């Protein structure tokens, strides 16, 4: 079963953690100095927030696959729609290791489809490259030109 994913950029992490903890009636399952995540079952959503110097608001939406087969099916659909902007395998992003496909809808809304392989101790695999102001991590830059990558491609970011 898949899980809906929402990632929101915030200006004040502690204030946002308090707000969303109250809203969801649950504490985050992950809290880092610049990030928090709730893995909720009702509604079934992976909701994440981060304070990384980007404009506040929705960063991206997504679908978290329970296994590699689900992710492959979603990736094939995105490839058929000519929507894949970046395909990544074994990447580190948001304190997790994942395989993923990044896509953009016709309006430029970024979508992350992914299967989580495990936890990570850093936000990205190369913290020195994680320039939050560049808007390129994790996934392709906002409103990037679409560049189709094959399912075996590995991204430069995250």
N, C-alpha and C. Protein backbone atom coordinates (compact mmCIF):
# COMPACT_ATOMS: atom_id res chain seq x y z
N UNK A 1 0.85 -1.16 0.00
CA UNK A 1 0.00 0.00 0.00
C UNK A 1 0.90 1.24 0.00
N UNK A 2 0.56 2.20 -0.80
CA UNK A 2 1.33 3.42 -0.90
C UNK A 2 0.91 4.42 0.18
N UNK A 3 1.78 5.39 0.41
CA UNK A 3 1.53 6.43 1.41
C UNK A 3 1.74 7.77 0.74
N UNK A 4 0.81 8.70 0.91
CA UNK A 4 0.94 10.04 0.37
C UNK A 4 2.05 10.77 1.12
N UNK A 5 2.80 11.62 0.43
CA UNK A 5 3.91 12.34 1.03
C UNK A 5 3.76 13.83 0.76
N UNK A 6 3.96 14.63 1.78
CA UNK A 6 3.94 16.09 1.67
C UNK A 6 5.17 16.61 2.39
N UNK A 7 5.91 17.51 1.73
CA UNK A 7 7.08 18.14 2.35
C UNK A 7 6.88 19.65 2.30
N UNK A 8 6.92 20.30 3.46
CA UNK A 8 6.69 21.74 3.57
C UNK A 8 7.95 22.41 4.10
N UNK A 9 8.38 23.47 3.43
CA UNK A 9 9.47 24.31 3.94
C UNK A 9 8.88 25.25 4.99
N UNK A 10 9.58 25.39 6.11
CA UNK A 10 9.10 26.25 7.19
C UNK A 10 10.17 27.25 7.59
N UNK A 11 9.75 28.35 8.19
CA UNK A 11 10.70 29.36 8.66
C UNK A 11 11.18 29.09 10.07
N UNK A 12 10.30 28.59 10.93
CA UNK A 12 10.63 28.34 12.34
C UNK A 12 10.24 26.91 12.68
N UNK A 13 11.23 26.04 12.73
CA UNK A 13 10.99 24.62 12.91
C UNK A 13 10.25 24.31 14.22
N UNK A 14 10.72 24.86 15.34
CA UNK A 14 10.10 24.54 16.63
C UNK A 14 8.63 24.93 16.67
N UNK A 15 8.30 26.13 16.16
CA UNK A 15 6.90 26.56 16.11
C UNK A 15 6.08 25.63 15.24
N UNK A 16 6.65 25.20 14.12
CA UNK A 16 5.93 24.31 13.20
C UNK A 16 5.75 22.93 13.78
N UNK A 17 6.76 22.44 14.49
CA UNK A 17 6.63 21.13 15.16
C UNK A 17 5.49 21.18 16.17
N UNK A 18 5.42 22.25 16.96
CA UNK A 18 4.32 22.38 17.93
C UNK A 18 2.97 22.39 17.22
N UNK A 19 2.85 23.17 16.15
CA UNK A 19 1.59 23.27 15.42
C UNK A 19 1.17 21.91 14.86
N UNK A 20 2.06 21.25 14.12
CA UNK A 20 1.68 19.98 13.48
C UNK A 20 1.50 18.86 14.49
N UNK A 21 2.23 18.88 15.60
CA UNK A 21 2.02 17.88 16.65
C UNK A 21 0.61 18.02 17.21
N UNK A 22 0.18 19.25 17.42
CA UNK A 22 -1.18 19.50 17.92
C UNK A 22 -2.21 19.11 16.87
N UNK A 23 -2.00 19.53 15.62
CA UNK A 23 -2.93 19.21 14.54
C UNK A 23 -3.12 17.71 14.37
N UNK A 24 -2.01 16.97 14.33
CA UNK A 24 -2.08 15.52 14.08
C UNK A 24 -2.36 14.72 15.34
N UNK A 25 -2.20 15.33 16.53
CA UNK A 25 -2.38 14.57 17.77
C UNK A 25 -1.31 13.52 17.92
N UNK A 26 -0.12 13.78 17.38
CA UNK A 26 0.98 12.81 17.43
C UNK A 26 2.31 13.57 17.35
N UNK A 27 3.31 13.02 18.03
CA UNK A 27 4.64 13.61 17.95
C UNK A 27 5.35 13.10 16.70
N UNK A 28 6.34 13.84 16.21
CA UNK A 28 7.07 13.39 15.02
C UNK A 28 7.83 12.09 15.29
N UNK A 29 7.97 11.28 14.26
CA UNK A 29 8.75 10.05 14.39
C UNK A 29 10.24 10.33 14.19
N UNK A 30 10.56 11.45 13.53
CA UNK A 30 11.95 11.87 13.32
C UNK A 30 12.03 13.36 13.61
N UNK A 31 13.02 13.76 14.42
CA UNK A 31 13.28 15.18 14.66
C UNK A 31 14.79 15.39 14.56
N UNK A 32 15.19 16.31 13.69
CA UNK A 32 16.59 16.71 13.52
C UNK A 32 16.64 18.23 13.69
N UNK A 33 17.83 18.81 13.75
CA UNK A 33 17.91 20.27 13.94
C UNK A 33 17.23 21.09 12.84
N UNK A 34 17.07 20.51 11.65
CA UNK A 34 16.50 21.25 10.52
C UNK A 34 15.33 20.52 9.86
N UNK A 35 14.78 19.48 10.53
CA UNK A 35 13.83 18.58 9.87
C UNK A 35 12.98 17.85 10.90
N UNK A 36 11.74 17.56 10.52
CA UNK A 36 10.87 16.69 11.33
C UNK A 36 9.94 15.95 10.39
N UNK A 37 9.54 14.73 10.80
CA UNK A 37 8.67 13.91 9.96
C UNK A 37 7.68 13.15 10.83
N UNK A 38 6.44 13.11 10.37
CA UNK A 38 5.38 12.32 10.99
C UNK A 38 4.99 11.22 10.01
N UNK A 39 5.00 9.96 10.44
CA UNK A 39 4.51 8.83 9.63
C UNK A 39 3.14 8.46 10.20
N UNK A 40 2.12 9.06 9.63
CA UNK A 40 0.77 8.92 10.17
C UNK A 40 0.01 7.78 9.48
N UNK A 41 -0.83 7.10 10.23
CA UNK A 41 -1.69 6.06 9.67
C UNK A 41 -3.10 6.56 9.43
N UNK A 42 -3.47 7.68 10.07
CA UNK A 42 -4.81 8.23 9.88
C UNK A 42 -4.72 9.75 9.88
N UNK A 43 -4.60 10.38 8.72
CA UNK A 43 -4.59 9.79 7.38
C UNK A 43 -3.22 9.17 7.09
N UNK A 44 -3.19 8.21 6.17
CA UNK A 44 -1.95 7.53 5.81
C UNK A 44 -1.08 8.49 5.00
N UNK A 45 -0.18 9.18 5.71
CA UNK A 45 0.65 10.20 5.06
C UNK A 45 2.03 10.25 5.71
N UNK A 46 3.03 10.51 4.91
CA UNK A 46 4.39 10.81 5.35
C UNK A 46 4.50 12.32 5.22
N UNK A 47 4.41 13.04 6.33
CA UNK A 47 4.40 14.49 6.33
C UNK A 47 5.71 14.99 6.90
N UNK A 48 6.47 15.76 6.12
CA UNK A 48 7.78 16.24 6.56
C UNK A 48 7.85 17.75 6.44
N UNK A 49 8.62 18.35 7.36
CA UNK A 49 8.91 19.78 7.30
C UNK A 49 10.42 19.96 7.43
N UNK A 50 10.94 21.04 6.84
CA UNK A 50 12.36 21.33 7.01
C UNK A 50 12.60 22.83 7.00
N UNK A 51 13.64 23.21 7.69
CA UNK A 51 14.09 24.59 7.75
C UNK A 51 15.47 24.61 7.14
N UNK A 52 15.54 24.87 5.82
CA UNK A 52 16.81 24.79 5.10
C UNK A 52 17.04 26.00 4.20
N UNK A 53 16.43 27.14 4.55
CA UNK A 53 16.69 28.37 3.83
C UNK A 53 15.92 28.55 2.54
N UNK A 54 14.96 27.72 2.28
CA UNK A 54 14.12 27.86 1.09
C UNK A 54 12.86 28.63 1.45
N UNK A 55 12.17 29.18 0.45
CA UNK A 55 10.92 29.89 0.75
C UNK A 55 9.92 28.98 1.46
N UNK A 56 9.20 29.53 2.44
CA UNK A 56 8.21 28.76 3.18
C UNK A 56 7.08 28.33 2.26
N UNK A 57 6.52 27.17 2.51
CA UNK A 57 5.40 26.65 1.74
C UNK A 57 5.67 25.25 1.24
N UNK A 58 4.76 24.75 0.42
CA UNK A 58 4.90 23.38 -0.12
C UNK A 58 6.17 23.28 -0.95
N UNK A 59 7.02 22.34 -0.60
CA UNK A 59 8.24 22.08 -1.37
C UNK A 59 7.94 21.09 -2.48
N UNK A 60 7.32 19.97 -2.11
CA UNK A 60 6.93 18.96 -3.09
C UNK A 60 5.90 18.01 -2.49
N UNK A 61 5.23 17.29 -3.36
CA UNK A 61 4.28 16.24 -2.98
C UNK A 61 4.88 14.92 -3.42
N UNK A 62 4.31 13.81 -2.97
CA UNK A 62 4.88 12.55 -3.39
C UNK A 62 4.04 11.35 -3.02
N UNK A 63 4.57 10.20 -3.43
CA UNK A 63 3.98 8.91 -3.12
C UNK A 63 5.12 8.01 -2.65
N UNK A 64 4.99 7.47 -1.44
CA UNK A 64 5.97 6.55 -0.90
C UNK A 64 5.50 5.12 -1.16
N UNK A 65 6.30 4.38 -1.92
CA UNK A 65 5.97 2.99 -2.24
C UNK A 65 6.47 2.08 -1.12
N UNK A 66 5.70 1.02 -0.84
CA UNK A 66 6.10 0.08 0.20
C UNK A 66 7.23 -0.84 -0.24
N UNK A 67 7.38 -1.04 -1.56
CA UNK A 67 8.43 -1.93 -2.04
C UNK A 67 8.91 -1.49 -3.43
N UNK A 68 9.96 -2.13 -3.89
CA UNK A 68 10.59 -1.78 -5.16
C UNK A 68 9.65 -2.02 -6.34
N UNK A 69 8.79 -3.04 -6.26
CA UNK A 69 7.85 -3.33 -7.34
C UNK A 69 6.87 -2.19 -7.54
N UNK A 70 6.33 -1.67 -6.41
CA UNK A 70 5.42 -0.51 -6.51
C UNK A 70 6.13 0.69 -7.12
N UNK A 71 7.37 0.93 -6.69
CA UNK A 71 8.12 2.07 -7.21
C UNK A 71 8.39 1.91 -8.70
N UNK A 72 8.74 0.72 -9.14
CA UNK A 72 8.98 0.47 -10.56
C UNK A 72 7.73 0.75 -11.38
N UNK A 73 6.58 0.31 -10.89
CA UNK A 73 5.31 0.56 -11.59
C UNK A 73 5.04 2.05 -11.71
N UNK A 74 5.22 2.79 -10.62
CA UNK A 74 5.01 4.24 -10.66
C UNK A 74 6.01 4.89 -11.61
N UNK A 75 7.28 4.48 -11.54
CA UNK A 75 8.31 5.02 -12.43
C UNK A 75 7.99 4.79 -13.89
N UNK A 76 7.48 3.60 -14.23
CA UNK A 76 7.09 3.31 -15.61
C UNK A 76 5.96 4.23 -16.07
N UNK A 77 5.02 4.51 -15.19
CA UNK A 77 3.92 5.43 -15.53
C UNK A 77 4.46 6.83 -15.79
N UNK A 78 5.36 7.29 -14.92
CA UNK A 78 5.94 8.63 -15.10
C UNK A 78 6.78 8.72 -16.38
N UNK A 79 7.53 7.66 -16.68
CA UNK A 79 8.30 7.64 -17.93
C UNK A 79 7.37 7.69 -19.14
N UNK A 80 6.26 6.95 -19.07
CA UNK A 80 5.28 6.95 -20.18
C UNK A 80 4.66 8.33 -20.36
N UNK A 81 4.55 9.09 -19.27
CA UNK A 81 3.99 10.44 -19.34
C UNK A 81 5.07 11.47 -19.67
N UNK A 82 6.30 11.02 -19.91
CA UNK A 82 7.43 11.90 -20.19
C UNK A 82 7.58 12.96 -19.10
N UNK A 83 7.44 12.52 -17.85
CA UNK A 83 7.43 13.47 -16.73
C UNK A 83 8.64 13.33 -15.81
N UNK A 84 9.48 12.31 -16.00
CA UNK A 84 10.60 12.09 -15.09
C UNK A 84 11.65 13.18 -15.29
N UNK A 85 11.98 13.89 -14.22
CA UNK A 85 13.02 14.91 -14.27
C UNK A 85 14.34 14.36 -13.75
N UNK A 86 14.28 13.34 -12.87
CA UNK A 86 15.47 12.76 -12.28
C UNK A 86 15.12 11.40 -11.69
N UNK A 87 15.95 10.40 -11.98
CA UNK A 87 15.81 9.08 -11.37
C UNK A 87 17.04 8.85 -10.51
N UNK A 88 16.83 8.36 -9.29
CA UNK A 88 17.95 8.16 -8.36
C UNK A 88 17.86 6.77 -7.73
N UNK A 89 19.03 6.17 -7.52
CA UNK A 89 19.09 4.89 -6.82
C UNK A 89 20.04 5.02 -5.64
N UNK A 90 19.61 4.51 -4.50
CA UNK A 90 20.46 4.51 -3.31
C UNK A 90 20.89 5.90 -2.88
N UNK A 91 20.06 6.88 -3.09
CA UNK A 91 20.40 8.25 -2.75
C UNK A 91 20.10 8.54 -1.28
N UNK A 92 20.76 9.53 -0.72
CA UNK A 92 20.49 9.96 0.65
C UNK A 92 19.86 11.34 0.60
N UNK A 93 18.69 11.45 1.21
CA UNK A 93 17.96 12.71 1.24
C UNK A 93 17.01 12.66 2.43
N UNK A 94 16.88 13.76 3.13
CA UNK A 94 15.94 13.86 4.26
C UNK A 94 16.18 12.78 5.30
N UNK A 95 17.46 12.53 5.60
CA UNK A 95 17.85 11.57 6.63
C UNK A 95 17.40 10.14 6.32
N UNK A 96 17.25 9.82 5.03
CA UNK A 96 16.87 8.46 4.63
C UNK A 96 17.59 8.08 3.33
N UNK A 97 17.83 6.80 3.16
CA UNK A 97 18.36 6.27 1.90
C UNK A 97 17.18 5.74 1.10
N UNK A 98 17.10 6.11 -0.20
CA UNK A 98 15.94 5.75 -1.01
C UNK A 98 16.30 5.59 -2.47
N UNK A 99 15.45 4.84 -3.18
CA UNK A 99 15.41 4.86 -4.63
C UNK A 99 14.23 5.75 -4.97
N UNK A 100 14.34 6.58 -6.04
CA UNK A 100 13.24 7.50 -6.31
C UNK A 100 13.20 7.98 -7.74
N UNK A 101 12.04 8.46 -8.11
CA UNK A 101 11.81 9.17 -9.36
C UNK A 101 11.25 10.53 -9.00
N UNK A 102 11.85 11.59 -9.53
CA UNK A 102 11.34 12.95 -9.39
C UNK A 102 10.66 13.33 -10.68
N UNK A 103 9.51 13.98 -10.58
CA UNK A 103 8.77 14.41 -11.77
C UNK A 103 8.17 15.78 -11.51
N UNK A 104 7.73 16.41 -12.58
CA UNK A 104 7.00 17.67 -12.47
C UNK A 104 5.69 17.54 -13.21
N UNK A 105 4.62 18.07 -12.60
CA UNK A 105 3.34 18.08 -13.31
C UNK A 105 3.36 19.26 -14.30
N UNK A 106 2.33 19.40 -15.14
CA UNK A 106 2.33 20.47 -16.13
C UNK A 106 2.45 21.88 -15.55
N UNK A 107 2.10 22.06 -14.27
CA UNK A 107 2.22 23.38 -13.64
C UNK A 107 3.58 23.61 -12.99
N UNK A 108 4.42 22.58 -12.99
CA UNK A 108 5.73 22.69 -12.35
C UNK A 108 5.77 22.22 -10.92
N UNK A 109 4.69 21.61 -10.41
CA UNK A 109 4.69 21.07 -9.05
C UNK A 109 5.58 19.83 -9.05
N UNK A 110 6.54 19.83 -8.11
CA UNK A 110 7.47 18.70 -8.03
C UNK A 110 6.81 17.53 -7.29
N UNK A 111 7.00 16.32 -7.84
CA UNK A 111 6.50 15.08 -7.25
C UNK A 111 7.68 14.15 -7.02
N UNK A 112 7.76 13.59 -5.83
CA UNK A 112 8.78 12.62 -5.47
C UNK A 112 8.09 11.28 -5.26
N UNK A 113 8.48 10.27 -6.02
CA UNK A 113 7.99 8.91 -5.77
C UNK A 113 9.20 8.11 -5.31
N UNK A 114 9.05 7.37 -4.21
CA UNK A 114 10.24 6.76 -3.63
C UNK A 114 9.92 5.51 -2.83
N UNK A 115 10.96 4.69 -2.66
CA UNK A 115 10.94 3.52 -1.77
C UNK A 115 12.11 3.70 -0.81
N UNK A 116 11.83 3.76 0.48
CA UNK A 116 12.86 3.99 1.49
C UNK A 116 13.60 2.69 1.79
N UNK A 117 14.94 2.78 1.76
CA UNK A 117 15.79 1.62 2.01
C UNK A 117 16.30 1.57 3.44
N UNK A 118 16.32 2.72 4.12
CA UNK A 118 16.79 2.78 5.50
C UNK A 118 17.07 4.20 5.92
N UNK A 119 17.48 4.37 7.16
CA UNK A 119 17.77 5.69 7.71
C UNK A 119 19.17 6.14 7.32
N UNK A 120 19.40 7.45 7.42
CA UNK A 120 20.73 8.03 7.19
C UNK A 120 21.02 9.02 8.31
N UNK A 121 22.28 9.27 8.56
CA UNK A 121 22.66 10.18 9.64
C UNK A 121 22.80 11.62 9.17
N UNK A 122 22.75 11.86 7.85
CA UNK A 122 22.84 13.21 7.31
C UNK A 122 21.63 13.51 6.44
N UNK A 123 21.36 14.81 6.23
CA UNK A 123 20.23 15.20 5.38
C UNK A 123 20.46 14.74 3.94
N UNK A 124 21.70 14.87 3.47
CA UNK A 124 22.07 14.41 2.12
C UNK A 124 23.34 13.58 2.22
N UNK A 125 23.72 12.95 1.11
CA UNK A 125 24.94 12.15 1.10
C UNK A 125 26.19 13.01 1.11
N UNK A 126 26.09 14.26 0.68
CA UNK A 126 27.23 15.16 0.63
C UNK A 126 26.82 16.50 1.23
N UNK A 127 26.85 16.64 2.57
CA UNK A 127 26.36 17.86 3.20
C UNK A 127 26.98 19.13 2.65
N UNK A 128 28.22 19.09 2.18
CA UNK A 128 28.84 20.29 1.64
C UNK A 128 28.14 20.77 0.37
N UNK A 129 27.50 19.84 -0.35
CA UNK A 129 26.80 20.21 -1.57
C UNK A 129 25.35 20.61 -1.31
N UNK A 130 24.90 20.44 -0.10
CA UNK A 130 23.49 20.68 0.20
C UNK A 130 23.22 22.16 0.39
N UNK A 131 23.40 22.92 -0.67
CA UNK A 131 23.15 24.36 -0.64
C UNK A 131 21.66 24.59 -0.73
N UNK A 132 21.02 24.79 0.42
CA UNK A 132 19.56 24.93 0.45
C UNK A 132 19.09 26.10 -0.38
N UNK A 133 19.89 27.14 -0.47
CA UNK A 133 19.45 28.30 -1.23
C UNK A 133 19.39 28.01 -2.72
N UNK A 134 20.11 27.00 -3.18
CA UNK A 134 20.08 26.66 -4.60
C UNK A 134 18.80 25.94 -4.97
N UNK A 135 18.10 25.37 -3.98
CA UNK A 135 16.83 24.71 -4.25
C UNK A 135 16.98 23.41 -5.00
N UNK A 136 18.18 22.83 -5.00
CA UNK A 136 18.40 21.63 -5.78
C UNK A 136 18.47 20.37 -4.95
N UNK A 137 18.26 20.46 -3.68
CA UNK A 137 18.40 19.27 -2.88
C UNK A 137 17.22 19.21 -1.93
N UNK A 138 16.49 18.29 -1.93
CA UNK A 138 16.61 17.04 -2.67
C UNK A 138 15.81 17.13 -3.98
N UNK A 139 16.25 16.41 -4.97
CA UNK A 139 15.57 16.40 -6.25
C UNK A 139 16.01 17.50 -7.18
N UNK A 140 15.41 17.56 -8.35
CA UNK A 140 15.78 18.59 -9.31
C UNK A 140 15.30 19.96 -8.85
N UNK A 141 15.89 21.00 -9.39
CA UNK A 141 15.52 22.37 -9.03
C UNK A 141 14.06 22.62 -9.38
N UNK A 142 13.42 23.48 -8.63
CA UNK A 142 12.05 23.87 -8.90
C UNK A 142 11.99 24.47 -10.30
N UNK A 143 10.96 24.08 -11.05
CA UNK A 143 10.75 24.55 -12.42
C UNK A 143 11.95 24.25 -13.31
N UNK A 144 12.57 23.10 -13.08
CA UNK A 144 13.69 22.71 -13.93
C UNK A 144 13.17 22.31 -15.29
N UNK A 145 14.05 22.38 -16.28
CA UNK A 145 13.64 21.88 -17.58
C UNK A 145 13.64 20.37 -17.47
N UNK A 146 12.66 19.73 -18.07
CA UNK A 146 12.52 18.28 -17.93
C UNK A 146 13.65 17.58 -18.65
N UNK A 147 14.31 16.69 -17.93
CA UNK A 147 15.38 15.90 -18.48
C UNK A 147 15.06 14.46 -18.13
N UNK A 148 14.73 13.67 -19.12
CA UNK A 148 14.35 12.30 -18.87
C UNK A 148 15.58 11.49 -18.55
N UNK A 149 15.53 10.79 -17.44
CA UNK A 149 16.61 9.91 -17.03
C UNK A 149 16.09 8.49 -17.05
N UNK A 150 16.93 7.56 -17.41
CA UNK A 150 16.53 6.16 -17.39
C UNK A 150 16.39 5.66 -15.97
N UNK A 151 15.75 4.53 -15.80
CA UNK A 151 15.52 4.00 -14.46
C UNK A 151 16.80 3.68 -13.70
N UNK A 152 17.94 3.52 -14.42
CA UNK A 152 19.19 3.20 -13.76
C UNK A 152 20.05 4.43 -13.49
N UNK A 153 19.55 5.63 -13.82
CA UNK A 153 20.34 6.85 -13.65
C UNK A 153 20.49 7.17 -12.17
N UNK A 154 21.61 7.75 -11.84
CA UNK A 154 21.87 8.17 -10.47
C UNK A 154 22.03 9.68 -10.48
N UNK A 155 21.30 10.37 -9.61
CA UNK A 155 21.34 11.83 -9.58
C UNK A 155 22.56 12.37 -8.88
N UNK A 156 22.90 13.60 -9.16
CA UNK A 156 24.05 14.25 -8.57
C UNK A 156 23.73 14.82 -7.20
N UNK A 157 22.47 15.03 -6.91
CA UNK A 157 22.08 15.62 -5.64
C UNK A 157 21.34 14.60 -4.79
N UNK A 158 21.62 14.62 -3.51
CA UNK A 158 21.00 13.69 -2.55
C UNK A 158 21.43 12.29 -2.84
